Amino acid sequence: MTSLEKDCDRLLQIVVVERDKVCQRPGCNNPATAGHHVFGRSAMGTRYVPDACLGLCVEDHDGWARTDRMYVLNVLCIKIGVKRFREIGEMSKKVCRFRAAEFREIRQQLRMMIKGVGVGR
């Protein structure tokens, strides 16, 4: 993994955690500390798409999200809507190989999202 990929992963986590603030598992009100890739990180088509992630607390990221996949998918579908959920589902099936220039563009987009959600203020 290149430093650009690591930077994009780190920035995505910031975007998701700052966006959601609290764990997205229904009934949990702990602070969100991790961005869970609902379709998996290996699905490069959605790896850097914040809408494909849920902000979760450590306990639910390590437990609930990994043991109750159908419920997690349902929570995401409700959160982003059926149309967007289907779009992301299709994106997740794509095999993508990013070049350095594409990672730089992703990094810039994530940085802009961070400014938009007010991280660091």
PDB file of N, CA and C in Angstrom:
ATOM      1  N   MET A   1       0.841  -1.173   0.000  1.00  0.00           N
ATOM      2  CA  MET A   1       0.000   0.000   0.000  1.00  0.00           C
ATOM      3  C   MET A   1       0.891   1.242   0.000  1.00  0.00           C
ATOM      4  N   THR A   2       0.589   2.160  -0.893  1.00  0.00           N
ATOM      5  CA  THR A   2       1.394   3.369  -1.005  1.00  0.00           C
ATOM      6  C   THR A   2       0.991   4.384   0.061  1.00  0.00           C
ATOM      7  N   SER A   3       1.826   5.383   0.238  1.00  0.00           N
ATOM      8  CA  SER A   3       1.505   6.441   1.201  1.00  0.00           C
ATOM      9  C   SER A   3       0.267   7.223   0.747  1.00  0.00           C
ATOM     10  N   LEU A   4       0.061   7.343  -0.559  1.00  0.00           N
ATOM     11  CA  LEU A   4      -1.155   8.008  -1.057  1.00  0.00           C
ATOM     12  C   LEU A   4      -2.400   7.214  -0.667  1.00  0.00           C
ATOM     13  N   GLU A   5      -2.350   5.896  -0.805  1.00  0.00           N
ATOM     14  CA  GLU A   5      -3.481   5.054  -0.411  1.00  0.00           C
ATOM     15  C   GLU A   5      -3.749   5.183   1.085  1.00  0.00           C
ATOM     16  N   LYS A   6      -2.692   5.131   1.887  1.00  0.00           N
ATOM     17  CA  LYS A   6      -2.840   5.267   3.336  1.00  0.00           C
ATOM     18  C   LYS A   6      -3.451   6.610   3.693  1.00  0.00           C
ATOM     19  N   ASP A   7      -3.008   7.661   3.014  1.00  0.00           N
ATOM     20  CA  ASP A   7      -3.537   8.989   3.270  1.00  0.00           C
ATOM     21  C   ASP A   7      -5.028   9.052   2.911  1.00  0.00           C
ATOM     22  N   CYS A   8      -5.406   8.458   1.794  1.00  0.00           N
ATOM     23  CA  CYS A   8      -6.821   8.430   1.398  1.00  0.00           C
ATOM     24  C   CYS A   8      -7.645   7.647   2.407  1.00  0.00           C
ATOM     25  N   ASP A   9      -7.132   6.517   2.890  1.00  0.00           N
ATOM     26  CA  ASP A   9      -7.836   5.735   3.911  1.00  0.00           C
ATOM     27  C   ASP A   9      -8.030   6.558   5.183  1.00  0.00           C
ATOM     28  N   ARG A  10      -6.981   7.237   5.604  1.00  0.00           N
ATOM     29  CA  ARG A  10      -7.041   8.058   6.820  1.00  0.00           C
ATOM     30  C   ARG A  10      -8.058   9.184   6.659  1.00  0.00           C
ATOM     31  N   LEU A  11      -8.032   9.854   5.518  1.00  0.00           N
ATOM     32  CA  LEU A  11      -8.959  10.958   5.280  1.00  0.00           C
ATOM     33  C   LEU A  11     -10.406  10.483   5.216  1.00  0.00           C
ATOM     34  N   LEU A  12     -10.636   9.324   4.617  1.00  0.00           N
ATOM     35  CA  LEU A  12     -11.993   8.791   4.567  1.00  0.00           C
ATOM     36  C   LEU A  12     -12.506   8.536   5.978  1.00  0.00           C
ATOM     37  N   GLN A  13     -11.661   7.984   6.830  1.00  0.00           N
ATOM     38  CA  GLN A  13     -12.073   7.745   8.213  1.00  0.00           C
ATOM     39  C   GLN A  13     -12.480   9.057   8.896  1.00  0.00           C
ATOM     40  N   ILE A  14     -11.723  10.097   8.680  1.00  0.00           N
ATOM     41  CA  ILE A  14     -12.045  11.399   9.267  1.00  0.00           C
ATOM     42  C   ILE A  14     -13.397  11.890   8.763  1.00  0.00           C
ATOM     43  N   VAL A  15     -13.619  11.796   7.463  1.00  0.00           N
ATOM     44  CA  VAL A  15     -14.889  12.254   6.877  1.00  0.00           C
ATOM     45  C   VAL A  15     -16.066  11.512   7.506  1.00  0.00           C
ATOM     46  N   VAL A  16     -15.981  10.198   7.568  1.00  0.00           N
ATOM     47  CA  VAL A  16     -17.104   9.384   8.051  1.00  0.00           C
ATOM     48  C   VAL A  16     -17.362   9.618   9.539  1.00  0.00           C
ATOM     49  N   VAL A  17     -16.315   9.605  10.340  1.00  0.00           N
ATOM     50  CA  VAL A  17     -16.473   9.788  11.786  1.00  0.00           C
ATOM     51  C   VAL A  17     -16.995  11.188  12.102  1.00  0.00           C
ATOM     52  N   GLU A  18     -16.489  12.177  11.412  1.00  0.00           N
ATOM     53  CA  GLU A  18     -16.962  13.545  11.651  1.00  0.00           C
ATOM     54  C   GLU A  18     -18.398  13.723  11.158  1.00  0.00           C
ATOM     55  N   ARG A  19     -18.725  13.104  10.051  1.00  0.00           N
ATOM     56  CA  ARG A  19     -20.088  13.202   9.520  1.00  0.00           C
ATOM     57  C   ARG A  19     -21.095  12.565  10.473  1.00  0.00           C
ATOM     58  N   ASP A  20     -20.796  11.368  10.947  1.00  0.00           N
ATOM     59  CA  ASP A  20     -21.771  10.631  11.743  1.00  0.00           C
ATOM     60  C   ASP A  20     -21.735  10.970  13.229  1.00  0.00           C
ATOM     61  N   LYS A  21     -20.630  11.388  13.722  1.00  0.00           N
ATOM     62  CA  LYS A  21     -20.451  11.780  15.129  1.00  0.00           C
ATOM     63  C   LYS A  21     -20.721  10.651  16.127  1.00  0.00           C
ATOM     64  N   VAL A  22     -21.888  10.010  16.040  1.00  0.00           N
ATOM     65  CA  VAL A  22     -22.214   8.916  16.962  1.00  0.00           C
ATOM     66  C   VAL A  22     -22.368   7.627  16.179  1.00  0.00           C
ATOM     67  N   CYS A  23     -22.178   6.524  16.874  1.00  0.00           N
ATOM     68  CA  CYS A  23     -22.290   5.200  16.276  1.00  0.00           C
ATOM     69  C   CYS A  23     -23.644   5.047  15.597  1.00  0.00           C
ATOM     70  N   GLN A  24     -23.627   4.511  14.393  1.00  0.00           N
ATOM     71  CA  GLN A  24     -24.843   4.373  13.596  1.00  0.00           C
ATOM     72  C   GLN A  24     -25.612   3.087  13.865  1.00  0.00           C
ATOM     73  N   ARG A  25     -25.122   2.227  14.780  1.00  0.00           N
ATOM     74  CA  ARG A  25     -25.911   1.055  15.138  1.00  0.00           C
ATOM     75  C   ARG A  25     -27.102   1.537  15.944  1.00  0.00           C
ATOM     76  N   PRO A  26     -28.303   1.194  15.507  1.00  0.00           N
ATOM     77  CA  PRO A  26     -29.484   1.625  16.252  1.00  0.00           C
ATOM     78  C   PRO A  26     -29.401   1.235  17.729  1.00  0.00           C
ATOM     79  N   GLY A  27     -29.661   2.203  18.569  1.00  0.00           N
ATOM     80  CA  GLY A  27     -29.626   1.980  20.008  1.00  0.00           C
ATOM     81  C   GLY A  27     -28.299   2.311  20.658  1.00  0.00           C
ATOM     82  N   CYS A  28     -27.260   2.501  19.887  1.00  0.00           N
ATOM     83  CA  CYS A  28     -25.944   2.842  20.433  1.00  0.00           C
ATOM     84  C   CYS A  28     -25.743   4.350  20.301  1.00  0.00           C
ATOM     85  N   ASN A  29     -25.316   4.972  21.370  1.00  0.00           N
ATOM     86  CA  ASN A  29     -25.058   6.408  21.328  1.00  0.00           C
ATOM     87  C   ASN A  29     -23.608   6.740  21.634  1.00  0.00           C
ATOM     88  N   ASN A  30     -22.743   5.741  21.521  1.00  0.00           N
ATOM     89  CA  ASN A  30     -21.317   5.982  21.735  1.00  0.00           C
ATOM     90  C   ASN A  30     -20.768   6.831  20.593  1.00  0.00           C
ATOM     91  N   PRO A  31     -19.688   7.536  20.838  1.00  0.00           N
ATOM     92  CA  PRO A  31     -19.069   8.313  19.755  1.00  0.00           C
ATOM     93  C   PRO A  31     -18.593   7.395  18.626  1.00  0.00           C
ATOM     94  N   ALA A  32     -18.763   7.836  17.409  1.00  0.00           N
ATOM     95  CA  ALA A  32     -18.222   7.107  16.253  1.00  0.00           C
ATOM     96  C   ALA A  32     -16.717   7.282  16.250  1.00  0.00           C
ATOM     97  N   THR A  33     -16.002   6.173  16.129  1.00  0.00           N
ATOM     98  CA  THR A  33     -14.539   6.231  16.120  1.00  0.00           C
ATOM     99  C   THR A  33     -13.941   5.544  14.902  1.00  0.00           C
ATOM    100  N   ALA A  34     -14.793   4.871  14.111  1.00  0.00           N
ATOM    101  CA  ALA A  34     -14.306   4.147  12.930  1.00  0.00           C
ATOM    102  C   ALA A  34     -15.320   4.250  11.812  1.00  0.00           C
ATOM    103  N   GLY A  35     -14.810   4.379  10.608  1.00  0.00           N
ATOM    104  CA  GLY A  35     -15.667   4.337   9.433  1.00  0.00           C
ATOM    105  C   GLY A  35     -15.691   2.912   8.912  1.00  0.00           C
ATOM    106  N   HIS A  36     -16.843   2.269   9.002  1.00  0.00           N
ATOM    107  CA  HIS A  36     -16.966   0.877   8.565  1.00  0.00           C
ATOM    108  C   HIS A  36     -17.329   0.830   7.097  1.00  0.00           C
ATOM    109  N   HIS A  37     -16.521   0.151   6.293  1.00  0.00           N
ATOM    110  CA  HIS A  37     -16.784  -0.045   4.866  1.00  0.00           C
ATOM    111  C   HIS A  37     -17.818  -1.155   4.721  1.00  0.00           C
ATOM    112  N   VAL A  38     -19.063  -0.789   4.512  1.00  0.00           N
ATOM    113  CA  VAL A  38     -20.150  -1.760   4.477  1.00  0.00           C
ATOM    114  C   VAL A  38     -19.955  -2.797   3.375  1.00  0.00           C
ATOM    115  N   PHE A  39     -19.410  -2.388   2.233  1.00  0.00           N
ATOM    116  CA  PHE A  39     -19.181  -3.313   1.131  1.00  0.00           C
ATOM    117  C   PHE A  39     -17.757  -3.855   1.126  1.00  0.00           C
ATOM    118  N   GLY A  40     -16.991  -3.545   2.131  1.00  0.00           N
ATOM    119  CA  GLY A  40     -15.623  -4.023   2.252  1.00  0.00           C
ATOM    120  C   GLY A  40     -14.612  -3.086   1.595  1.00  0.00           C
ATOM    121  N   ARG A  41     -13.424  -3.053   2.146  1.00  0.00           N
ATOM    122  CA  ARG A  41     -12.385  -2.192   1.586  1.00  0.00           C
ATOM    123  C   ARG A  41     -11.821  -2.739   0.293  1.00  0.00           C
ATOM    124  N   SER A  42     -11.903  -4.039   0.115  1.00  0.00           N
ATOM    125  CA  SER A  42     -11.374  -4.611  -1.123  1.00  0.00           C
ATOM    126  C   SER A  42     -12.226  -4.226  -2.327  1.00  0.00           C
ATOM    127  N   ALA A  43     -13.460  -3.782  -2.074  1.00  0.00           N
ATOM    128  CA  ALA A  43     -14.328  -3.297  -3.155  1.00  0.00           C
ATOM    129  C   ALA A  43     -13.850  -1.895  -3.520  1.00  0.00           C
ATOM    130  N   MET A  44     -12.790  -1.837  -4.300  1.00  0.00           N
ATOM    131  CA  MET A  44     -12.156  -0.551  -4.604  1.00  0.00           C
ATOM    132  C   MET A  44     -13.119   0.444  -5.250  1.00  0.00           C
ATOM    133  N   GLY A  45     -14.176  -0.048  -5.865  1.00  0.00           N
ATOM    134  CA  GLY A  45     -15.142   0.855  -6.474  1.00  0.00           C
ATOM    135  C   GLY A  45     -15.839   1.745  -5.464  1.00  0.00           C
ATOM    136  N   THR A  46     -15.876   1.304  -4.195  1.00  0.00           N
ATOM    137  CA  THR A  46     -16.518   2.101  -3.146  1.00  0.00           C
ATOM    138  C   THR A  46     -15.589   2.383  -1.964  1.00  0.00           C
ATOM    139  N   ARG A  47     -14.348   2.003  -2.077  1.00  0.00           N
ATOM    140  CA  ARG A  47     -13.432   2.143  -0.941  1.00  0.00           C
ATOM    141  C   ARG A  47     -13.326   3.574  -0.422  1.00  0.00           C
ATOM    142  N   TYR A  48     -13.411   4.546  -1.307  1.00  0.00           N
ATOM    143  CA  TYR A  48     -13.250   5.942  -0.890  1.00  0.00           C
ATOM    144  C   TYR A  48     -14.536   6.741  -1.052  1.00  0.00           C
ATOM    145  N   VAL A  49     -15.678   6.056  -0.954  1.00  0.00           N
ATOM    146  CA  VAL A  49     -16.990   6.692  -1.065  1.00  0.00           C
ATOM    147  C   VAL A  49     -17.599   6.747   0.338  1.00  0.00           C
ATOM    148  N   PRO A  50     -17.661   7.923   0.949  1.00  0.00           N
ATOM    149  CA  PRO A  50     -18.197   8.011   2.310  1.00  0.00           C
ATOM    150  C   PRO A  50     -19.612   7.454   2.455  1.00  0.00           C
ATOM    151  N   ASP A  51     -20.446   7.586   1.432  1.00  0.00           N
ATOM    152  CA  ASP A  51     -21.807   7.041   1.513  1.00  0.00           C
ATOM    153  C   ASP A  51     -21.823   5.524   1.656  1.00  0.00           C
ATOM    154  N   ALA A  52     -20.724   4.854   1.346  1.00  0.00           N
ATOM    155  CA  ALA A  52     -20.633   3.402   1.467  1.00  0.00           C
ATOM    156  C   ALA A  52     -20.145   2.984   2.852  1.00  0.00           C
ATOM    157  N   CYS A  53     -20.028   3.958   3.762  1.00  0.00           N
ATOM    158  CA  CYS A  53     -19.499   3.699   5.098  1.00  0.00           C
ATOM    159  C   CYS A  53     -20.470   4.164   6.177  1.00  0.00           C
ATOM    160  N   LEU A  54     -20.356   3.533   7.330  1.00  0.00           N
ATOM    161  CA  LEU A  54     -21.097   3.938   8.516  1.00  0.00           C
ATOM    162  C   LEU A  54     -20.098   4.256   9.622  1.00  0.00           C
ATOM    163  N   GLY A  55     -20.313   5.340  10.319  1.00  0.00           N
ATOM    164  CA  GLY A  55     -19.502   5.651  11.487  1.00  0.00           C
ATOM    165  C   GLY A  55     -19.955   4.777  12.647  1.00  0.00           C
ATOM    166  N   LEU A  56     -19.023   4.044  13.242  1.00  0.00           N
ATOM    167  CA  LEU A  56     -19.344   3.142  14.337  1.00  0.00           C
ATOM    168  C   LEU A  56     -18.379   3.328  15.493  1.00  0.00           C
ATOM    169  N   CYS A  57     -18.818   2.929  16.685  1.00  0.00           N
ATOM    170  CA  CYS A  57     -17.907   2.891  17.824  1.00  0.00           C
ATOM    171  C   CYS A  57     -17.026   1.647  17.674  1.00  0.00           C
ATOM    172  N   VAL A  58     -15.972   1.572  18.445  1.00  0.00           N
ATOM    173  CA  VAL A  58     -15.029   0.455  18.347  1.00  0.00           C
ATOM    174  C   VAL A  58     -15.734  -0.885  18.583  1.00  0.00           C
ATOM    175  N   GLU A  59     -16.584  -0.932  19.614  1.00  0.00           N
ATOM    176  CA  GLU A  59     -17.244  -2.191  19.959  1.00  0.00           C
ATOM    177  C   GLU A  59     -18.115  -2.690  18.800  1.00  0.00           C
ATOM    178  N   ASP A  60     -18.889  -1.803  18.197  1.00  0.00           N
ATOM    179  CA  ASP A  60     -19.783  -2.217  17.119  1.00  0.00           C
ATOM    180  C   ASP A  60     -19.038  -2.455  15.813  1.00  0.00           C
ATOM    181  N   HIS A  61     -17.927  -1.763  15.615  1.00  0.00           N
ATOM    182  CA  HIS A  61     -17.125  -2.009  14.410  1.00  0.00           C
ATOM    183  C   HIS A  61     -16.498  -3.402  14.482  1.00  0.00           C
ATOM    184  N   ASP A  62     -16.001  -3.755  15.642  1.00  0.00           N
ATOM    185  CA  ASP A  62     -15.353  -5.059  15.806  1.00  0.00           C
ATOM    186  C   ASP A  62     -16.347  -6.191  16.037  1.00  0.00           C
ATOM    187  N   GLY A  63     -17.574  -5.861  16.437  1.00  0.00           N
ATOM    188  CA  GLY A  63     -18.559  -6.888  16.738  1.00  0.00           C
ATOM    189  C   GLY A  63     -19.736  -6.885  15.781  1.00  0.00           C
ATOM    190  N   TRP A  64     -20.699  -6.044  16.045  1.00  0.00           N
ATOM    191  CA  TRP A  64     -21.959  -6.014  15.298  1.00  0.00           C
ATOM    192  C   TRP A  64     -21.758  -5.954  13.787  1.00  0.00           C
ATOM    193  N   ALA A  65     -20.906  -5.062  13.318  1.00  0.00           N
ATOM    194  CA  ALA A  65     -20.723  -4.864  11.874  1.00  0.00           C
ATOM    195  C   ALA A  65     -20.162  -6.105  11.190  1.00  0.00           C
ATOM    196  N   ARG A  66     -19.457  -6.922  11.920  1.00  0.00           N
ATOM    197  CA  ARG A  66     -18.837  -8.107  11.321  1.00  0.00           C
ATOM    198  C   ARG A  66     -19.686  -9.372  11.496  1.00  0.00           C
ATOM    199  N   THR A  67     -20.710  -9.286  12.352  1.00  0.00           N
ATOM    200  CA  THR A  67     -21.505 -10.490  12.629  1.00  0.00           C
ATOM    201  C   THR A  67     -22.940 -10.411  12.111  1.00  0.00           C
ATOM    202  N   ASP A  68     -23.418  -9.229  11.783  1.00  0.00           N
ATOM    203  CA  ASP A  68     -24.810  -9.069  11.351  1.00  0.00           C
ATOM    204  C   ASP A  68     -24.875  -8.268  10.056  1.00  0.00           C
ATOM    205  N   ARG A  69     -24.246  -8.800   9.015  1.00  0.00           N
ATOM    206  CA  ARG A  69     -24.095  -8.085   7.742  1.00  0.00           C
ATOM    207  C   ARG A  69     -25.415  -7.602   7.150  1.00  0.00           C
ATOM    208  N   MET A  70     -26.440  -8.418   7.183  1.00  0.00           N
ATOM    209  CA  MET A  70     -27.719  -8.019   6.582  1.00  0.00           C
ATOM    210  C   MET A  70     -28.316  -6.819   7.307  1.00  0.00           C
ATOM    211  N   TYR A  71     -28.191  -6.786   8.614  1.00  0.00           N
ATOM    212  CA  TYR A  71     -28.696  -5.657   9.389  1.00  0.00           C
ATOM    213  C   TYR A  71     -27.889  -4.396   9.074  1.00  0.00           C
ATOM    214  N   VAL A  72     -26.585  -4.552   8.950  1.00  0.00           N
ATOM    215  CA  VAL A  72     -25.716  -3.421   8.607  1.00  0.00           C
ATOM    216  C   VAL A  72     -26.101  -2.863   7.233  1.00  0.00           C
ATOM    217  N   LEU A  73     -26.309  -3.740   6.268  1.00  0.00           N
ATOM    218  CA  LEU A  73     -26.736  -3.305   4.933  1.00  0.00           C
ATOM    219  C   LEU A  73     -28.067  -2.550   5.017  1.00  0.00           C
ATOM    220  N   ASN A  74     -28.990  -3.053   5.820  1.00  0.00           N
ATOM    221  CA  ASN A  74     -30.286  -2.400   5.985  1.00  0.00           C
ATOM    222  C   ASN A  74     -30.144  -1.015   6.606  1.00  0.00           C
ATOM    223  N   VAL A  75     -29.290  -0.895   7.607  1.00  0.00           N
ATOM    224  CA  VAL A  75     -29.060   0.411   8.246  1.00  0.00           C
ATOM    225  C   VAL A  75     -28.505   1.401   7.224  1.00  0.00           C
ATOM    226  N   LEU A  76     -27.548   0.962   6.417  1.00  0.00           N
ATOM    227  CA  LEU A  76     -26.987   1.846   5.392  1.00  0.00           C
ATOM    228  C   LEU A  76     -28.059   2.226   4.373  1.00  0.00           C
ATOM    229  N   CYS A  77     -28.862   1.280   3.950  1.00  0.00           N
ATOM    230  CA  CYS A  77     -29.919   1.548   2.964  1.00  0.00           C
ATOM    231  C   CYS A  77     -30.893   2.601   3.483  1.00  0.00           C
ATOM    232  N   ILE A  78     -31.277   2.481   4.730  1.00  0.00           N
ATOM    233  CA  ILE A  78     -32.180   3.464   5.331  1.00  0.00           C
ATOM    234  C   ILE A  78     -31.495   4.826   5.412  1.00  0.00           C
ATOM    235  N   LYS A  79     -30.234   4.826   5.765  1.00  0.00           N
ATOM    236  CA  LYS A  79     -29.490   6.085   5.929  1.00  0.00           C
ATOM    237  C   LYS A  79     -29.339   6.854   4.617  1.00  0.00           C
ATOM    238  N   ILE A  80     -29.016   6.153   3.523  1.00  0.00           N
ATOM    239  CA  ILE A  80     -28.710   6.860   2.270  1.00  0.00           C
ATOM    240  C   ILE A  80     -29.811   6.758   1.223  1.00  0.00           C
ATOM    241  N   GLY A  81     -30.818   5.944   1.480  1.00  0.00           N
ATOM    242  CA  GLY A  81     -31.917   5.791   0.533  1.00  0.00           C
ATOM    243  C   GLY A  81     -31.675   4.639  -0.434  1.00  0.00           C
ATOM    244  N   VAL A  82     -32.764   4.071  -0.903  1.00  0.00           N
ATOM    245  CA  VAL A  82     -32.695   2.880  -1.754  1.00  0.00           C
ATOM    246  C   VAL A  82     -31.954   3.158  -3.063  1.00  0.00           C
ATOM    247  N   LYS A  83     -32.239   4.285  -3.698  1.00  0.00           N
ATOM    248  CA  LYS A  83     -31.603   4.584  -4.986  1.00  0.00           C
ATOM    249  C   LYS A  83     -30.083   4.662  -4.844  1.00  0.00           C
ATOM    250  N   ARG A  84     -29.603   5.436  -3.862  1.00  0.00           N
ATOM    251  CA  ARG A  84     -28.154   5.575  -3.662  1.00  0.00           C
ATOM    252  C   ARG A  84     -27.545   4.237  -3.229  1.00  0.00           C
ATOM    253  N   PHE A  85     -28.268   3.487  -2.407  1.00  0.00           N
ATOM    254  CA  PHE A  85     -27.789   2.191  -1.957  1.00  0.00           C
ATOM    255  C   PHE A  85     -27.559   1.265  -3.155  1.00  0.00           C
ATOM    256  N   ARG A  86     -28.487   1.260  -4.086  1.00  0.00           N
ATOM    257  CA  ARG A  86     -28.335   0.419  -5.275  1.00  0.00           C
ATOM    258  C   ARG A  86     -27.159   0.885  -6.132  1.00  0.00           C
ATOM    259  N   GLU A  87     -27.001   2.191  -6.272  1.00  0.00           N
ATOM    260  CA  GLU A  87     -25.861   2.732  -7.036  1.00  0.00           C
ATOM    261  C   GLU A  87     -24.547   2.265  -6.425  1.00  0.00           C
ATOM    262  N   ILE A  88     -24.455   2.369  -5.118  1.00  0.00           N
ATOM    263  CA  ILE A  88     -23.230   1.980  -4.430  1.00  0.00           C
ATOM    264  C   ILE A  88     -23.015   0.476  -4.526  1.00  0.00           C
ATOM    265  N   GLY A  89     -24.088  -0.287  -4.440  1.00  0.00           N
ATOM    266  CA  GLY A  89     -23.982  -1.731  -4.597  1.00  0.00           C
ATOM    267  C   GLY A  89     -23.373  -2.107  -5.939  1.00  0.00           C
ATOM    268  N   GLU A  90     -23.805  -1.426  -6.994  1.00  0.00           N
ATOM    269  CA  GLU A  90     -23.239  -1.667  -8.328  1.00  0.00           C
ATOM    270  C   GLU A  90     -21.779  -1.209  -8.393  1.00  0.00           C
ATOM    271  N   MET A  91     -21.489  -0.073  -7.805  1.00  0.00           N
ATOM    272  CA  MET A  91     -20.107   0.427  -7.790  1.00  0.00           C
ATOM    273  C   MET A  91     -19.180  -0.558  -7.090  1.00  0.00           C
ATOM    274  N   SER A  92     -19.681  -1.196  -6.035  1.00  0.00           N
ATOM    275  CA  SER A  92     -18.843  -2.096  -5.235  1.00  0.00           C
ATOM    276  C   SER A  92     -18.418  -3.341  -6.017  1.00  0.00           C
ATOM    277  N   LYS A  93     -19.112  -3.640  -7.081  1.00  0.00           N
ATOM    278  CA  LYS A  93     -18.787  -4.827  -7.889  1.00  0.00           C
ATOM    279  C   LYS A  93     -17.687  -4.562  -8.907  1.00  0.00           C
ATOM    280  N   LYS A  94     -17.348  -3.288  -9.089  1.00  0.00           N
ATOM    281  CA  LYS A  94     -16.350  -2.934 -10.094  1.00  0.00           C
ATOM    282  C   LYS A  94     -14.937  -3.184  -9.580  1.00  0.00           C
ATOM    283  N   VAL A  95     -14.131  -3.727 -10.447  1.00  0.00           N
ATOM    284  CA  VAL A  95     -12.719  -3.904 -10.142  1.00  0.00           C
ATOM    285  C   VAL A  95     -12.015  -2.627 -10.574  1.00  0.00           C
ATOM    286  N   CYS A  96     -11.362  -1.971  -9.636  1.00  0.00           N
ATOM    287  CA  CYS A  96     -10.698  -0.702  -9.935  1.00  0.00           C
ATOM    288  C   CYS A  96      -9.231  -0.786  -9.549  1.00  0.00           C
ATOM    289  N   ARG A  97      -8.425  -0.187 -10.361  1.00  0.00           N
ATOM    290  CA  ARG A  97      -7.005  -0.028 -10.047  1.00  0.00           C
ATOM    291  C   ARG A  97      -6.688   1.442 -10.238  1.00  0.00           C
ATOM    292  N   PHE A  98      -6.390   2.087  -9.147  1.00  0.00           N
ATOM    293  CA  PHE A  98      -6.107   3.508  -9.207  1.00  0.00           C
ATOM    294  C   PHE A  98      -4.618   3.760  -9.410  1.00  0.00           C
ATOM    295  N   ARG A  99      -4.330   4.764 -10.187  1.00  0.00           N
ATOM    296  CA  ARG A  99      -2.958   5.235 -10.374  1.00  0.00           C
ATOM    297  C   ARG A  99      -2.720   6.380  -9.393  1.00  0.00           C
ATOM    298  N   ALA A 100      -1.488   6.795  -9.293  1.00  0.00           N
ATOM    299  CA  ALA A 100      -1.131   7.859  -8.352  1.00  0.00           C
ATOM    300  C   ALA A 100      -1.953   9.119  -8.592  1.00  0.00           C
ATOM    301  N   ALA A 101      -2.154   9.500  -9.843  1.00  0.00           N
ATOM    302  CA  ALA A 101      -2.928  10.710 -10.137  1.00  0.00           C
ATOM    303  C   ALA A 101      -4.359  10.585  -9.630  1.00  0.00           C
ATOM    304  N   GLU A 102      -4.925   9.407  -9.728  1.00  0.00           N
ATOM    305  CA  GLU A 102      -6.292   9.198  -9.238  1.00  0.00           C
ATOM    306  C   GLU A 102      -6.338   9.245  -7.714  1.00  0.00           C
ATOM    307  N   PHE A 103      -5.323   8.695  -7.065  1.00  0.00           N
ATOM    308  CA  PHE A 103      -5.268   8.785  -5.601  1.00  0.00           C
ATOM    309  C   PHE A 103      -5.121  10.242  -5.156  1.00  0.00           C
ATOM    310  N   ARG A 104      -4.341  11.017  -5.899  1.00  0.00           N
ATOM    311  CA  ARG A 104      -4.210  12.438  -5.550  1.00  0.00           C
ATOM    312  C   ARG A 104      -5.552  13.151  -5.685  1.00  0.00           C
ATOM    313  N   GLU A 105      -6.312  12.803  -6.706  1.00  0.00           N
ATOM    314  CA  GLU A 105      -7.634  13.405  -6.898  1.00  0.00           C
ATOM    315  C   GLU A 105      -8.588  12.976  -5.773  1.00  0.00           C
ATOM    316  N   ILE A 106      -8.567  11.711  -5.417  1.00  0.00           N
ATOM    317  CA  ILE A 106      -9.397  11.221  -4.311  1.00  0.00           C
ATOM    318  C   ILE A 106      -9.022  11.938  -3.026  1.00  0.00           C
ATOM    319  N   ARG A 107      -7.719  12.060  -2.785  1.00  0.00           N
ATOM    320  CA  ARG A 107      -7.249  12.752  -1.577  1.00  0.00           C
ATOM    321  C   ARG A 107      -7.759  14.183  -1.535  1.00  0.00           C
ATOM    322  N   GLN A 108      -7.703  14.874  -2.663  1.00  0.00           N
ATOM    323  CA  GLN A 108      -8.180  16.253  -2.722  1.00  0.00           C
ATOM    324  C   GLN A 108      -9.686  16.321  -2.454  1.00  0.00           C
ATOM    325  N   GLN A 109     -10.444  15.397  -3.032  1.00  0.00           N
ATOM    326  CA  GLN A 109     -11.897  15.375  -2.809  1.00  0.00           C
ATOM    327  C   GLN A 109     -12.220  15.122  -1.337  1.00  0.00           C
ATOM    328  N   LEU A 110     -11.502  14.208  -0.714  1.00  0.00           N
ATOM    329  CA  LEU A 110     -11.731  13.929   0.701  1.00  0.00           C
ATOM    330  C   LEU A 110     -11.360  15.121   1.564  1.00  0.00           C
ATOM    331  N   ARG A 111     -10.285  15.793   1.225  1.00  0.00           N
ATOM    332  CA  ARG A 111      -9.904  17.010   1.969  1.00  0.00           C
ATOM    333  C   ARG A 111     -10.988  18.076   1.868  1.00  0.00           C
ATOM    334  N   MET A 112     -11.578  18.201   0.683  1.00  0.00           N
ATOM    335  CA  MET A 112     -12.667  19.174   0.496  1.00  0.00           C
ATOM    336  C   MET A 112     -13.884  18.774   1.336  1.00  0.00           C
ATOM    337  N   MET A 113     -14.153  17.480   1.431  1.00  0.00           N
ATOM    338  CA  MET A 113     -15.264  17.017   2.257  1.00  0.00           C
ATOM    339  C   MET A 113     -15.005  17.338   3.719  1.00  0.00           C
ATOM    340  N   ILE A 114     -13.772  17.167   4.145  1.00  0.00           N
ATOM    341  CA  ILE A 114     -13.422  17.472   5.535  1.00  0.00           C
ATOM    342  C   ILE A 114     -13.673  18.948   5.820  1.00  0.00           C
ATOM    343  N   LYS A 115     -13.274  19.808   4.911  1.00  0.00           N
ATOM    344  CA  LYS A 115     -13.549  21.240   5.095  1.00  0.00           C
ATOM    345  C   LYS A 115     -15.046  21.482   5.169  1.00  0.00           C
ATOM    346  N   GLY A 116     -15.818  20.736   4.374  1.00  0.00           N
ATOM    347  CA  GLY A 116     -17.261  20.898   4.334  1.00  0.00           C
ATOM    348  C   GLY A 116     -17.966  20.464   5.605  1.00  0.00           C
ATOM    349  N   VAL A 117     -17.409  19.451   6.315  1.00  0.00           N
ATOM    350  CA  VAL A 117     -18.040  18.986   7.546  1.00  0.00           C
ATOM    351  C   VAL A 117     -17.450  19.649   8.788  1.00  0.00           C
ATOM    352  N   GLY A 118     -16.446  20.485   8.604  1.00  0.00           N
ATOM    353  CA  GLY A 118     -15.924  21.275   9.708  1.00  0.00           C
ATOM    354  C   GLY A 118     -14.933  20.574  10.600  1.00  0.00           C
ATOM    355  N   VAL A 119     -14.246  19.575  10.127  1.00  0.00           N
ATOM    356  CA  VAL A 119     -13.241  18.900  10.930  1.00  0.00           C
ATOM    357  C   VAL A 119     -12.134  19.881  11.277  1.00  0.00           C
ATOM    358  N   GLY A 120     -11.725  19.843  12.531  1.00  0.00           N
ATOM    359  CA  GLY A 120     -10.615  20.670  12.970  1.00  0.00           C
ATOM    360  C   GLY A 120     -11.017  22.068  13.430  1.00  0.00           C
ATOM    361  N   ARG A 121     -12.286  22.332  13.477  1.00  0.00           N
ATOM    362  CA  ARG A 121     -12.733  23.651  13.953  1.00  0.00           C
ATOM    363  C   ARG A 121     -13.049  23.610  15.411  1.00  0.00           C
TER     364      ARG A 121
END
